[in-house]
Amino acid sequence: MPSVILFNKPYGVQSQFSDDANNKFAPLSQFFTDKSLRVAGRLDATSEGLLILTADGQVNKAITHPPKANQGRKQGKTYLVQVEGIATQAQLHQLRGGVVLKDGKTLPASVSQVSEEALPMPLWQRDPPIRVRQSVPDSWLMMTLYEGKNRQVRRMTAHVGLPCLRLIRWSVAGFELGDLGVGEFVRVDLSVDRLRKLGISG
C-alpha cells in the first residue's frame, strides 16, 4: 500500500538529503536514513512545517505536478504567515487577486487575516527567534496557493508591503501538519479514497 511521511520540518533544515559542505543548513539525512524516500514538494530551509516524503513515484508526481497527474484538479498548499505590519483590506485584495512578480502574475489565492489564537495549531518557539521591532506590530495571515513559484509567499507579501517574518506550511494536497511537534514525523498509509483524491486510480 502506498504511503507518505508527514514531517514537521524545523527551521534551518534543507529539503534534500545530500550534505553540502558550503551550506550552513542541515540536510534531511539527519532525520531519515531510508534512501528510497523522495521529497514531494520542497520547502525552503528558512521555512518551517509540513514536508511530505514518499517512496512512491506516482504519489510524488500527483502531489508535485497535479495538472497532469490529477486531471487538472488543483492541490492547494496552505501557509501560516507572520508578517510585519497589519494587513489592510486593500493589501488582502491584492494578494487574493494575484500580484505581478518578476516571473509573472500569481494565480488567485485564498488569504485571510487571523489572530494567533485562531491558528489551527499551537505555535512552537522558533530557533532562532524572529526579529522584532518594537515600533512595528506584526500579524498572521493564512494563505492557500495553487502554484509553486520560488519563494512565492515571501515575495507576494513583500510586494504588497508586508515583509514575511515567519513562514509555516500547514497543509499540502489535503494532508495537514496536525499536532506534530518540531522534527517529528508520522507515516500515513494511503487509502483507495485518498489515492482517488490525488488522481490515482487502481
C-alpha atoms as a PDB file:
ATOM      1  CA  MET A   1       0.000   0.000   0.000  1.00  0.00           C
ATOM      2  CA  PRO A   2       1.432   3.430  -0.952  1.00  0.00           C
ATOM      3  CA  SER A   3       2.269   5.692   1.948  1.00  0.00           C
ATOM      4  CA  VAL A   4       3.607   9.133   2.726  1.00  0.00           C
ATOM      5  CA  ILE A   5       5.589  10.534   5.608  1.00  0.00           C
ATOM      6  CA  LEU A   6       4.389  13.815   7.097  1.00  0.00           C
ATOM      7  CA  PHE A   7       7.327  15.667   8.653  1.00  0.00           C
ATOM      8  CA  ASN A   8       7.302  18.871  10.666  1.00  0.00           C
ATOM      9  CA  LYS A   9      10.470  20.338   9.203  1.00  0.00           C
ATOM     10  CA  PRO A  10      12.343  22.610  11.581  1.00  0.00           C
ATOM     11  CA  TYR A  11      13.785  25.970  10.620  1.00  0.00           C
ATOM     12  CA  GLY A  12      17.287  25.563   9.202  1.00  0.00           C
ATOM     13  CA  VAL A  13      16.780  22.149   7.573  1.00  0.00           C
ATOM     14  CA  GLN A  14      17.074  21.693   3.809  1.00  0.00           C
ATOM     15  CA  SER A  15      14.578  19.766   1.682  1.00  0.00           C
ATOM     16  CA  GLN A  16      17.341  17.493   0.425  1.00  0.00           C
ATOM     17  CA  PHE A  17      19.307  14.526   1.745  1.00  0.00           C
ATOM     18  CA  SER A  18      22.776  15.410   0.498  1.00  0.00           C
ATOM     19  CA  ASP A  19      25.011  17.439   2.762  1.00  0.00           C
ATOM     20  CA  ASP A  20      26.609  20.446   1.074  1.00  0.00           C
ATOM     21  CA  ALA A  21      29.781  21.479   2.863  1.00  0.00           C
ATOM     22  CA  ASN A  22      29.212  25.066   1.720  1.00  0.00           C
ATOM     23  CA  ASN A  23      25.668  25.153   3.088  1.00  0.00           C
ATOM     24  CA  LYS A  24      25.032  26.207   6.686  1.00  0.00           C
ATOM     25  CA  PHE A  25      21.731  24.318   6.805  1.00  0.00           C
ATOM     26  CA  ALA A  26      21.250  20.706   7.941  1.00  0.00           C
ATOM     27  CA  PRO A  27      20.233  18.004   5.418  1.00  0.00           C
ATOM     28  CA  LEU A  28      17.242  15.652   5.739  1.00  0.00           C
ATOM     29  CA  SER A  29      19.653  12.744   6.254  1.00  0.00           C
ATOM     30  CA  GLN A  30      19.930  13.882   9.877  1.00  0.00           C
ATOM     31  CA  PHE A  31      16.305  12.765  10.310  1.00  0.00           C
ATOM     32  CA  PHE A  32      15.791   9.949   7.770  1.00  0.00           C
ATOM     33  CA  THR A  33      18.012   7.045   6.729  1.00  0.00           C
ATOM     34  CA  ASP A  34      15.634   5.439   4.180  1.00  0.00           C
ATOM     35  CA  LYS A  35      17.314   6.204   0.852  1.00  0.00           C
ATOM     36  CA  SER A  36      14.185   5.339  -1.126  1.00  0.00           C
ATOM     37  CA  LEU A  37      12.368   8.430   0.153  1.00  0.00           C
ATOM     38  CA  ARG A  38      11.911  11.473  -2.051  1.00  0.00           C
ATOM     39  CA  VAL A  39      10.567  14.916  -1.192  1.00  0.00           C
ATOM     40  CA  ALA A  40       7.131  15.693  -2.657  1.00  0.00           C
ATOM     41  CA  GLY A  41       7.305  19.465  -2.861  1.00  0.00           C
ATOM     42  CA  ARG A  42      10.251  21.366  -1.473  1.00  0.00           C
ATOM     43  CA  LEU A  43      10.191  23.797   1.438  1.00  0.00           C
ATOM     44  CA  ASP A  44      12.868  26.458   1.885  1.00  0.00           C
ATOM     45  CA  ALA A  45      15.407  25.902   4.648  1.00  0.00           C
ATOM     46  CA  THR A  46      14.231  29.102   6.342  1.00  0.00           C
ATOM     47  CA  SER A  47      10.598  27.950   6.268  1.00  0.00           C
ATOM     48  CA  GLU A  48       9.017  25.511   8.718  1.00  0.00           C
ATOM     49  CA  GLY A  49       6.220  22.996   8.783  1.00  0.00           C
ATOM     50  CA  LEU A  50       4.784  20.259   6.603  1.00  0.00           C
ATOM     51  CA  LEU A  51       7.152  18.423   4.313  1.00  0.00           C
ATOM     52  CA  ILE A  52       5.869  15.291   2.572  1.00  0.00           C
ATOM     53  CA  LEU A  53       8.171  12.409   1.677  1.00  0.00           C
ATOM     54  CA  THR A  54       7.293   9.227  -0.175  1.00  0.00           C
ATOM     55  CA  ALA A  55       8.993   6.298  -1.899  1.00  0.00           C
ATOM     56  CA  ASP A  56       6.122   6.012  -4.387  1.00  0.00           C
ATOM     57  CA  GLY A  57       6.833   7.844  -7.634  1.00  0.00           C
ATOM     58  CA  GLN A  58       3.197   8.044  -8.694  1.00  0.00           C
ATOM     59  CA  VAL A  59       2.167   9.601  -5.391  1.00  0.00           C
ATOM     60  CA  ASN A  60       5.063  12.048  -5.588  1.00  0.00           C
ATOM     61  CA  LYS A  61       4.017  13.112  -9.085  1.00  0.00           C
ATOM     62  CA  ALA A  62       0.361  13.504  -8.097  1.00  0.00           C
ATOM     63  CA  ILE A  63       1.358  15.885  -5.285  1.00  0.00           C
ATOM     64  CA  THR A  64       4.019  17.875  -7.146  1.00  0.00           C
ATOM     65  CA  HIS A  65       2.517  18.003 -10.663  1.00  0.00           C
ATOM     66  CA  PRO A  66      -1.267  17.978 -10.185  1.00  0.00           C
ATOM     67  CA  PRO A  67      -2.336  19.475 -13.548  1.00  0.00           C
ATOM     68  CA  LYS A  68      -1.314  16.317 -15.425  1.00  0.00           C
ATOM     69  CA  ALA A  69      -1.380  13.716 -12.690  1.00  0.00           C
ATOM     70  CA  ASN A  70      -4.696  14.814 -11.230  1.00  0.00           C
ATOM     71  CA  GLN A  71      -6.792  15.671 -14.296  1.00  0.00           C
ATOM     72  CA  GLY A  72      -6.324  19.361 -13.717  1.00  0.00           C
ATOM     73  CA  ARG A  73      -7.609  19.419 -10.139  1.00  0.00           C
ATOM     74  CA  LYS A  74      -5.504  21.869  -8.160  1.00  0.00           C
ATOM     75  CA  GLN A  75      -3.746  20.745  -4.982  1.00  0.00           C
ATOM     76  CA  GLY A  76      -3.711  23.688  -2.585  1.00  0.00           C
ATOM     77  CA  LYS A  77      -0.915  24.472  -0.152  1.00  0.00           C
ATOM     78  CA  THR A  78      -1.823  26.441   2.964  1.00  0.00           C
ATOM     79  CA  TYR A  79       0.696  28.544   4.844  1.00  0.00           C
ATOM     80  CA  LEU A  80       0.624  30.374   8.159  1.00  0.00           C
ATOM     81  CA  VAL A  81       2.463  33.622   7.538  1.00  0.00           C
ATOM     82  CA  GLN A  82       3.663  36.015  10.213  1.00  0.00           C
ATOM     83  CA  VAL A  83       4.168  39.425   8.648  1.00  0.00           C
ATOM     84  CA  GLU A  84       5.446  42.780   9.748  1.00  0.00           C
ATOM     85  CA  GLY A  85       2.507  45.146   9.931  1.00  0.00           C
ATOM     86  CA  ILE A  86      -1.278  44.733   9.931  1.00  0.00           C
ATOM     87  CA  ALA A  87      -2.786  43.902   6.550  1.00  0.00           C
ATOM     88  CA  THR A  88      -5.303  46.367   5.143  1.00  0.00           C
ATOM     89  CA  GLN A  89      -8.289  45.293   3.078  1.00  0.00           C
ATOM     90  CA  ALA A  90      -6.532  46.691   0.009  1.00  0.00           C
ATOM     91  CA  GLN A  91      -3.465  44.524   0.657  1.00  0.00           C
ATOM     92  CA  LEU A  92      -5.602  41.424   1.210  1.00  0.00           C
ATOM     93  CA  HIS A  93      -7.475  42.177  -2.011  1.00  0.00           C
ATOM     94  CA  GLN A  94      -4.162  42.389  -3.890  1.00  0.00           C
ATOM     95  CA  LEU A  95      -2.943  39.065  -2.520  1.00  0.00           C
ATOM     96  CA  ARG A  96      -6.241  37.337  -3.312  1.00  0.00           C
ATOM     97  CA  GLY A  97      -6.350  38.588  -6.868  1.00  0.00           C
ATOM     98  CA  GLY A  98      -2.723  37.840  -7.684  1.00  0.00           C
ATOM     99  CA  VAL A  99       0.320  40.102  -7.782  1.00  0.00           C
ATOM    100  CA  VAL A 100       2.818  40.646 -10.576  1.00  0.00           C
ATOM    101  CA  LEU A 101       6.248  39.249  -9.712  1.00  0.00           C
ATOM    102  CA  LYS A 102       9.354  39.111 -11.880  1.00  0.00           C
ATOM    103  CA  ASP A 103       8.388  35.653 -13.159  1.00  0.00           C
ATOM    104  CA  GLY A 104       4.769  36.538 -13.885  1.00  0.00           C
ATOM    105  CA  LYS A 105       1.474  37.204 -12.155  1.00  0.00           C
ATOM    106  CA  THR A 106       0.489  34.812  -9.390  1.00  0.00           C
ATOM    107  CA  LEU A 107      -2.762  32.879  -9.536  1.00  0.00           C
ATOM    108  CA  PRO A 108      -5.667  33.975  -7.315  1.00  0.00           C
ATOM    109  CA  ALA A 109      -5.110  32.819  -3.739  1.00  0.00           C
ATOM    110  CA  SER A 110      -7.208  32.367  -0.622  1.00  0.00           C
ATOM    111  CA  VAL A 111      -5.991  34.830   2.022  1.00  0.00           C
ATOM    112  CA  SER A 112      -7.393  35.731   5.427  1.00  0.00           C
ATOM    113  CA  GLN A 113      -6.089  37.580   8.453  1.00  0.00           C
ATOM    114  CA  VAL A 114      -6.172  35.540  11.661  1.00  0.00           C
ATOM    115  CA  SER A 115      -5.257  36.097  15.275  1.00  0.00           C
ATOM    116  CA  GLU A 116      -2.511  33.966  16.784  1.00  0.00           C
ATOM    117  CA  GLU A 117      -5.151  32.339  18.993  1.00  0.00           C
ATOM    118  CA  ALA A 118      -7.151  31.307  15.906  1.00  0.00           C
ATOM    119  CA  LEU A 119      -4.272  29.497  14.193  1.00  0.00           C
ATOM    120  CA  PRO A 120      -5.041  25.777  13.616  1.00  0.00           C
ATOM    121  CA  MET A 121      -2.273  24.658  15.965  1.00  0.00           C
ATOM    122  CA  PRO A 122      -0.269  25.944  18.932  1.00  0.00           C
ATOM    123  CA  LEU A 123       2.941  27.673  17.902  1.00  0.00           C
ATOM    124  CA  TRP A 124       6.362  26.494  18.984  1.00  0.00           C
ATOM    125  CA  GLN A 125       9.361  28.673  19.726  1.00  0.00           C
ATOM    126  CA  ARG A 126      11.446  29.136  16.618  1.00  0.00           C
ATOM    127  CA  ASP A 127      15.220  28.824  16.865  1.00  0.00           C
ATOM    128  CA  PRO A 128      16.437  31.445  16.121  1.00  0.00           C
ATOM    129  CA  PRO A 129      13.505  33.689  17.076  1.00  0.00           C
ATOM    130  CA  ILE A 130      12.101  36.169  14.564  1.00  0.00           C
ATOM    131  CA  ARG A 131      13.344  39.750  14.546  1.00  0.00           C
ATOM    132  CA  VAL A 132      11.075  42.094  16.449  1.00  0.00           C
ATOM    133  CA  ARG A 133      10.736  45.840  16.030  1.00  0.00           C
ATOM    134  CA  GLN A 134       9.033  47.451  18.984  1.00  0.00           C
ATOM    135  CA  SER A 135       7.600  50.245  16.853  1.00  0.00           C
ATOM    136  CA  VAL A 136       6.014  47.948  14.249  1.00  0.00           C
ATOM    137  CA  PRO A 137       3.270  45.427  15.077  1.00  0.00           C
ATOM    138  CA  ASP A 138       3.117  42.010  13.472  1.00  0.00           C
ATOM    139  CA  SER A 139       0.179  39.828  12.468  1.00  0.00           C
ATOM    140  CA  TRP A 140      -0.729  36.469  10.931  1.00  0.00           C
ATOM    141  CA  LEU A 141      -2.200  35.521   7.570  1.00  0.00           C
ATOM    142  CA  MET A 142      -3.450  32.171   6.306  1.00  0.00           C
ATOM    143  CA  MET A 143      -2.679  31.818   2.605  1.00  0.00           C
ATOM    144  CA  THR A 144      -3.633  28.971   0.275  1.00  0.00           C
ATOM    145  CA  LEU A 145      -1.780  28.904  -3.045  1.00  0.00           C
ATOM    146  CA  TYR A 146      -2.391  26.746  -6.103  1.00  0.00           C
ATOM    147  CA  GLU A 147       1.025  27.049  -7.700  1.00  0.00           C
ATOM    148  CA  GLY A 148       4.647  26.875  -6.601  1.00  0.00           C
ATOM    149  CA  LYS A 149       6.794  29.772  -7.735  1.00  0.00           C
ATOM    150  CA  ASN A 150      10.145  30.055  -5.962  1.00  0.00           C
ATOM    151  CA  ARG A 151       9.770  31.692  -2.522  1.00  0.00           C
ATOM    152  CA  GLN A 152       6.320  32.784  -3.642  1.00  0.00           C
ATOM    153  CA  VAL A 153       4.678  33.575  -0.303  1.00  0.00           C
ATOM    154  CA  ARG A 154       7.566  35.754   0.847  1.00  0.00           C
ATOM    155  CA  ARG A 155       7.674  37.620  -2.461  1.00  0.00           C
ATOM    156  CA  MET A 156       3.907  38.135  -2.532  1.00  0.00           C
ATOM    157  CA  THR A 157       3.683  39.601   0.970  1.00  0.00           C
ATOM    158  CA  ALA A 158       6.769  41.769   0.411  1.00  0.00           C
ATOM    159  CA  HIS A 159       5.240  43.040  -2.849  1.00  0.00           C
ATOM    160  CA  VAL A 160       2.219  44.447  -1.010  1.00  0.00           C
ATOM    161  CA  GLY A 161       4.301  45.908   1.833  1.00  0.00           C
ATOM    162  CA  LEU A 162       4.051  43.110   4.410  1.00  0.00           C
ATOM    163  CA  PRO A 163       7.541  41.611   4.923  1.00  0.00           C
ATOM    164  CA  CYS A 164       7.418  37.969   5.991  1.00  0.00           C
ATOM    165  CA  LEU A 165       8.860  37.267   9.439  1.00  0.00           C
ATOM    166  CA  ARG A 166       7.958  33.596   9.754  1.00  0.00           C
ATOM    167  CA  LEU A 167       6.533  31.028   7.347  1.00  0.00           C
ATOM    168  CA  ILE A 168       4.942  27.715   8.364  1.00  0.00           C
ATOM    169  CA  ARG A 169       3.383  25.335   5.848  1.00  0.00           C
ATOM    170  CA  TRP A 170       0.221  23.862   7.359  1.00  0.00           C
ATOM    171  CA  SER A 171      -1.188  21.671   4.592  1.00  0.00           C
ATOM    172  CA  VAL A 172      -0.418  20.207   1.164  1.00  0.00           C
ATOM    173  CA  ALA A 173      -2.901  18.407  -1.091  1.00  0.00           C
ATOM    174  CA  GLY A 174      -5.243  17.633   1.802  1.00  0.00           C
ATOM    175  CA  PHE A 175      -2.517  16.457   4.202  1.00  0.00           C
ATOM    176  CA  GLU A 176      -2.207  18.576   7.350  1.00  0.00           C
ATOM    177  CA  LEU A 177       0.557  19.130   9.879  1.00  0.00           C
ATOM    178  CA  GLY A 178      -1.820  18.318  12.724  1.00  0.00           C
ATOM    179  CA  ASP A 179      -0.223  18.189  16.159  1.00  0.00           C
ATOM    180  CA  LEU A 180       3.234  17.025  15.028  1.00  0.00           C
ATOM    181  CA  GLY A 181       5.988  18.580  17.105  1.00  0.00           C
ATOM    182  CA  VAL A 182       9.047  20.163  15.529  1.00  0.00           C
ATOM    183  CA  GLY A 183      11.232  17.449  13.974  1.00  0.00           C
ATOM    184  CA  GLU A 184       8.520  14.789  14.415  1.00  0.00           C
ATOM    185  CA  PHE A 185       7.049  12.713  11.605  1.00  0.00           C
ATOM    186  CA  VAL A 186       4.319  10.144  11.029  1.00  0.00           C
ATOM    187  CA  ARG A 187       3.793   7.582   8.261  1.00  0.00           C
ATOM    188  CA  VAL A 188       0.336   7.557   6.663  1.00  0.00           C
ATOM    189  CA  ASP A 189      -0.892   4.647   4.551  1.00  0.00           C
ATOM    190  CA  LEU A 190      -2.983   5.926   1.648  1.00  0.00           C
ATOM    191  CA  SER A 191      -6.481   4.511   1.326  1.00  0.00           C
ATOM    192  CA  VAL A 192      -8.170   3.974  -2.023  1.00  0.00           C
ATOM    193  CA  ASP A 193     -10.255   7.088  -1.369  1.00  0.00           C
ATOM    194  CA  ARG A 194      -7.177   9.172  -0.599  1.00  0.00           C
ATOM    195  CA  LEU A 195      -5.444   7.919  -3.743  1.00  0.00           C
ATOM    196  CA  ARG A 196      -8.520   8.795  -5.779  1.00  0.00           C
ATOM    197  CA  LYS A 197      -8.469  12.335  -4.374  1.00  0.00           C
ATOM    198  CA  LEU A 198      -4.885  12.596  -5.558  1.00  0.00           C
ATOM    199  CA  GLY A 199      -5.981  11.497  -9.018  1.00  0.00           C
ATOM    200  CA  ILE A 200      -4.543   7.980  -8.725  1.00  0.00           C
ATOM    201  CA  SER A 201      -6.796   5.073  -9.614  1.00  0.00           C
ATOM    202  CA  GLY A 202      -6.429   1.319  -9.317  1.00  0.00           C
END
